[in-house]
Amino acid sequence: MEPTEGNILSGSYWLTRGLYMNTRGQPDGIVKAFVDYVMSDDMKGFIREDGYIPTSGVSD
């Protein structure tokens, strides 16, 4: 199985690592603003530049 973006996003290529942002409870204020920014479409270019594959959202 090749580590292509499609295989990674579909779950076919299993060797991946998620990014976790742990907060105490639901984030609010400046912490929420930071998490929202990191997960925004604005960051996708930076994420790709660093060799990572951006996702479309987070799971609970």
Protein backbone atom coordinates (compact mmCIF):
# COMPACT_ATOMS: atom_id res chain seq x y z
CA MET A 1 0.00 0.00 0.00
CA GLU A 2 1.44 3.34 -1.07
CA PRO A 3 1.36 6.25 1.42
CA THR A 4 -0.60 8.54 -0.92
CA GLU A 5 -2.82 11.31 0.36
CA GLY A 6 -5.92 9.43 -0.83
CA ASN A 7 -4.87 6.22 0.93
CA ILE A 8 -4.06 8.10 4.13
CA LEU A 9 -7.34 10.03 4.19
CA SER A 10 -9.40 6.91 3.39
CA GLY A 11 -7.71 4.94 6.17
CA SER A 12 -6.27 2.38 3.73
CA TYR A 13 -2.73 3.34 4.70
CA TRP A 14 -2.66 2.73 8.42
CA LEU A 15 0.65 4.32 9.46
CA THR A 16 -0.54 7.81 10.36
CA ARG A 17 -0.50 10.04 13.41
CA GLY A 18 -3.18 12.49 14.43
CA LEU A 19 -2.64 15.84 16.07
CA TYR A 20 -4.25 16.18 19.47
CA MET A 21 -5.06 19.49 21.11
CA ASN A 22 -6.09 18.77 24.67
CA THR A 23 -7.94 21.38 26.68
CA ARG A 24 -9.59 21.38 30.05
CA GLY A 25 -13.25 21.28 28.98
CA GLN A 26 -14.44 23.01 25.84
CA PRO A 27 -11.98 25.70 24.74
CA ASP A 28 -13.08 29.31 24.97
CA GLY A 29 -11.59 32.74 24.56
CA ILE A 30 -8.09 32.91 23.13
CA VAL A 31 -7.65 29.12 23.33
CA LYS A 32 -10.74 28.59 21.15
CA ALA A 33 -9.49 31.25 18.72
CA PHE A 34 -6.14 29.42 18.44
CA VAL A 35 -7.72 25.99 17.91
CA ASP A 36 -10.12 27.43 15.33
CA TYR A 37 -7.23 29.08 13.49
CA VAL A 38 -5.08 25.93 13.47
CA MET A 39 -8.01 23.94 12.06
CA SER A 40 -8.96 26.62 9.51
CA ASP A 41 -8.53 26.54 5.75
CA ASP A 42 -5.97 29.37 6.16
CA MET A 43 -3.55 26.90 7.77
CA LYS A 44 -3.80 24.15 5.14
CA GLY A 45 -1.04 25.67 3.00
CA PHE A 46 1.35 25.86 5.95
CA ILE A 47 0.49 22.30 6.96
CA ARG A 48 1.27 21.04 3.45
CA GLU A 49 4.53 23.05 3.32
CA ASP A 50 5.70 21.15 6.39
CA GLY A 51 4.95 17.80 4.75
CA TYR A 52 1.71 17.00 6.55
CA ILE A 53 -1.75 16.32 5.14
CA PRO A 54 -4.50 18.61 6.40
CA THR A 55 -7.84 17.12 7.37
CA SER A 56 -11.27 18.61 7.00
CA GLY A 57 -12.18 18.48 10.67
CA VAL A 58 -11.71 16.87 14.02
CA SER A 59 -13.29 13.95 15.77
CA ASP A 60 -14.50 14.07 19.36
